[in-house]
N, C-alpha and C. Protein backbone atom coordinates (compact mmCIF):
# COMPACT_ATOMS: atom_id res chain seq x y z
N UNK A 1 116.52 106.20 117.88
CA UNK A 1 115.90 105.25 116.98
C UNK A 1 114.49 104.89 117.45
N UNK A 2 114.27 104.81 118.73
CA UNK A 2 112.96 104.49 119.26
C UNK A 2 111.95 105.56 118.87
N UNK A 3 112.35 106.82 118.90
CA UNK A 3 111.45 107.90 118.52
C UNK A 3 111.00 107.75 117.08
N UNK A 4 111.91 107.39 116.19
CA UNK A 4 111.56 107.20 114.78
C UNK A 4 110.53 106.10 114.63
N UNK A 5 110.73 104.97 115.30
CA UNK A 5 109.79 103.87 115.20
C UNK A 5 108.43 104.23 115.81
N UNK A 6 108.42 104.99 116.88
CA UNK A 6 107.16 105.38 117.49
C UNK A 6 106.34 106.28 116.56
N UNK A 7 107.01 107.02 115.70
CA UNK A 7 106.32 107.90 114.77
C UNK A 7 105.93 107.19 113.48
N UNK A 8 106.41 105.99 113.26
CA UNK A 8 106.11 105.23 112.06
C UNK A 8 104.76 104.53 112.23
N UNK A 9 103.75 104.92 111.46
CA UNK A 9 102.42 104.32 111.63
C UNK A 9 102.37 102.84 111.25
N UNK A 10 103.37 102.35 110.53
CA UNK A 10 103.39 100.95 110.14
C UNK A 10 104.25 100.08 111.06
N UNK A 11 104.80 100.69 112.11
CA UNK A 11 105.65 99.93 113.03
C UNK A 11 104.85 98.79 113.67
N UNK A 12 105.36 97.58 113.54
CA UNK A 12 104.72 96.42 114.13
C UNK A 12 103.63 95.79 113.28
N UNK A 13 103.38 96.34 112.11
CA UNK A 13 102.34 95.81 111.22
C UNK A 13 103.03 95.12 110.04
N UNK A 14 102.68 93.86 109.81
CA UNK A 14 103.30 93.13 108.70
C UNK A 14 102.58 93.43 107.39
N UNK A 15 103.26 93.17 106.30
CA UNK A 15 102.66 93.37 104.99
C UNK A 15 101.43 92.46 104.83
N UNK A 16 101.51 91.27 105.37
CA UNK A 16 100.36 90.35 105.30
C UNK A 16 99.15 90.93 106.04
N UNK A 17 99.37 91.53 107.19
CA UNK A 17 98.28 92.17 107.93
C UNK A 17 97.68 93.32 107.13
N UNK A 18 98.54 94.09 106.49
CA UNK A 18 98.09 95.23 105.69
C UNK A 18 97.19 94.75 104.56
N UNK A 19 97.66 93.78 103.79
CA UNK A 19 96.89 93.28 102.64
C UNK A 19 95.58 92.66 103.11
N UNK A 20 95.64 91.86 104.16
CA UNK A 20 94.44 91.19 104.66
C UNK A 20 93.40 92.20 105.14
N UNK A 21 93.83 93.19 105.89
CA UNK A 21 92.89 94.20 106.39
C UNK A 21 92.28 95.02 105.26
N UNK A 22 93.10 95.39 104.29
CA UNK A 22 92.57 96.15 103.15
C UNK A 22 91.58 95.31 102.34
N UNK A 23 91.91 94.04 102.11
CA UNK A 23 91.01 93.17 101.35
C UNK A 23 89.70 92.94 102.11
N UNK A 24 89.78 92.78 103.41
CA UNK A 24 88.57 92.61 104.22
C UNK A 24 87.73 93.88 104.23
N UNK A 25 88.39 95.01 104.29
CA UNK A 25 87.68 96.29 104.37
C UNK A 25 87.04 96.69 103.03
N UNK A 26 87.81 96.63 101.97
CA UNK A 26 87.34 97.10 100.66
C UNK A 26 86.81 95.99 99.77
N UNK A 27 87.30 94.77 99.94
CA UNK A 27 87.02 93.70 98.99
C UNK A 27 88.03 93.79 97.86
N UNK A 28 88.30 92.67 97.22
CA UNK A 28 89.33 92.67 96.17
C UNK A 28 88.97 93.56 94.98
N UNK A 29 87.70 93.57 94.61
CA UNK A 29 87.30 94.37 93.44
C UNK A 29 87.56 95.86 93.67
N UNK A 30 87.12 96.36 94.82
CA UNK A 30 87.33 97.78 95.13
C UNK A 30 88.82 98.09 95.33
N UNK A 31 89.53 97.16 95.94
CA UNK A 31 90.96 97.35 96.15
C UNK A 31 91.68 97.45 94.80
N UNK A 32 91.26 96.63 93.84
CA UNK A 32 91.83 96.68 92.49
C UNK A 32 91.50 97.98 91.76
N UNK A 33 90.39 98.59 92.10
CA UNK A 33 90.04 99.89 91.52
C UNK A 33 90.86 101.01 92.15
N UNK A 34 91.08 100.92 93.45
CA UNK A 34 91.82 101.96 94.16
C UNK A 34 93.32 101.91 93.85
N UNK A 35 93.84 100.70 93.70
CA UNK A 35 95.25 100.52 93.36
C UNK A 35 95.30 99.62 92.14
N UNK A 36 95.64 100.20 91.02
CA UNK A 36 95.57 99.49 89.74
C UNK A 36 96.79 98.58 89.55
N UNK A 37 96.75 97.43 90.24
CA UNK A 37 97.77 96.42 90.03
C UNK A 37 97.09 95.07 89.84
N UNK A 38 97.64 94.28 88.96
CA UNK A 38 97.02 93.04 88.53
C UNK A 38 96.80 92.04 89.68
N UNK A 39 97.68 92.02 90.66
CA UNK A 39 97.53 91.05 91.74
C UNK A 39 96.26 91.29 92.56
N UNK A 40 95.65 92.46 92.43
CA UNK A 40 94.38 92.75 93.09
C UNK A 40 93.19 92.57 92.14
N UNK A 41 93.46 92.41 90.85
CA UNK A 41 92.39 92.39 89.87
C UNK A 41 92.16 91.03 89.23
N UNK A 42 93.20 90.26 89.05
CA UNK A 42 93.09 88.98 88.36
C UNK A 42 93.41 87.84 89.33
N UNK A 43 92.39 87.09 89.71
CA UNK A 43 92.52 85.98 90.65
C UNK A 43 93.30 86.40 91.91
N UNK A 44 92.80 87.40 92.61
CA UNK A 44 93.53 87.93 93.76
C UNK A 44 93.56 86.97 94.95
N UNK A 45 94.66 87.00 95.64
CA UNK A 45 94.80 86.28 96.91
C UNK A 45 95.87 86.99 97.72
N UNK A 46 95.85 86.75 99.01
CA UNK A 46 96.85 87.36 99.88
C UNK A 46 98.23 86.87 99.47
N UNK A 47 98.35 85.58 99.23
CA UNK A 47 99.65 84.98 98.90
C UNK A 47 100.25 85.58 97.62
N UNK A 48 99.46 85.68 96.56
CA UNK A 48 99.99 86.24 95.30
C UNK A 48 100.30 87.73 95.44
N UNK A 49 99.48 88.42 96.21
CA UNK A 49 99.71 89.84 96.43
C UNK A 49 101.01 90.07 97.19
N UNK A 50 101.25 89.28 98.23
CA UNK A 50 102.48 89.42 99.01
C UNK A 50 103.70 89.16 98.14
N UNK A 51 103.63 88.14 97.32
CA UNK A 51 104.76 87.81 96.44
C UNK A 51 105.09 89.00 95.53
N UNK A 52 104.06 89.60 94.93
CA UNK A 52 104.27 90.74 94.04
C UNK A 52 104.76 91.97 94.81
N UNK A 53 104.11 92.29 95.91
CA UNK A 53 104.43 93.50 96.65
C UNK A 53 105.82 93.47 97.26
N UNK A 54 106.30 92.30 97.62
CA UNK A 54 107.65 92.20 98.19
C UNK A 54 108.72 92.47 97.14
N UNK A 55 108.38 92.27 95.87
CA UNK A 55 109.35 92.49 94.79
C UNK A 55 109.18 93.84 94.09
N UNK A 56 108.10 94.56 94.44
CA UNK A 56 107.76 95.77 93.70
C UNK A 56 107.56 96.95 94.65
N UNK A 57 108.63 97.68 94.93
CA UNK A 57 108.56 98.77 95.92
C UNK A 57 107.50 99.83 95.63
N UNK A 58 107.32 100.24 94.38
CA UNK A 58 106.35 101.29 94.09
C UNK A 58 104.93 100.83 94.42
N UNK A 59 104.61 99.57 94.17
CA UNK A 59 103.28 99.05 94.47
C UNK A 59 103.09 98.92 95.98
N UNK A 60 104.12 98.46 96.66
CA UNK A 60 104.05 98.33 98.12
C UNK A 60 103.80 99.69 98.76
N UNK A 61 104.46 100.71 98.25
CA UNK A 61 104.27 102.07 98.76
C UNK A 61 102.80 102.50 98.65
N UNK A 62 102.19 102.21 97.52
CA UNK A 62 100.79 102.57 97.31
C UNK A 62 99.88 101.84 98.30
N UNK A 63 100.16 100.57 98.52
CA UNK A 63 99.36 99.77 99.44
C UNK A 63 99.53 100.28 100.87
N UNK A 64 100.76 100.56 101.25
CA UNK A 64 101.01 101.08 102.60
C UNK A 64 100.34 102.44 102.79
N UNK A 65 100.39 103.28 101.77
CA UNK A 65 99.75 104.60 101.85
C UNK A 65 98.23 104.45 102.04
N UNK A 66 97.61 103.57 101.26
CA UNK A 66 96.17 103.35 101.39
C UNK A 66 95.84 102.82 102.78
N UNK A 67 96.65 101.93 103.30
CA UNK A 67 96.44 101.40 104.65
C UNK A 67 96.48 102.51 105.69
N UNK A 68 97.47 103.36 105.60
CA UNK A 68 97.60 104.47 106.55
C UNK A 68 96.40 105.40 106.44
N UNK A 69 96.02 105.74 105.22
CA UNK A 69 94.87 106.64 105.02
C UNK A 69 93.58 106.02 105.52
N UNK A 70 93.44 104.72 105.41
CA UNK A 70 92.22 104.04 105.80
C UNK A 70 92.11 103.79 107.29
N UNK A 71 93.20 103.32 107.89
CA UNK A 71 93.12 102.83 109.27
C UNK A 71 93.87 103.65 110.30
N UNK A 72 94.78 104.51 109.91
CA UNK A 72 95.64 105.17 110.88
C UNK A 72 95.36 106.66 111.04
N UNK A 73 94.25 107.14 110.57
CA UNK A 73 93.92 108.56 110.72
C UNK A 73 93.52 108.89 112.11
């Protein structure tokens, strides 16, 4: 099990950290263009984004993928 976690690029990174880093890096406007979800486009905030992403697996997957592509290469 330890080997699996060591290979997971998101191990130890919270969803809040992911959203915050992406928003700081791209800005909400660009983030909303890259991932077409309303929580990034209409009155975006970390809190509203977390609420949506925790309930919506397909959107969370997209956010996690963008985070990995941006910061974990």
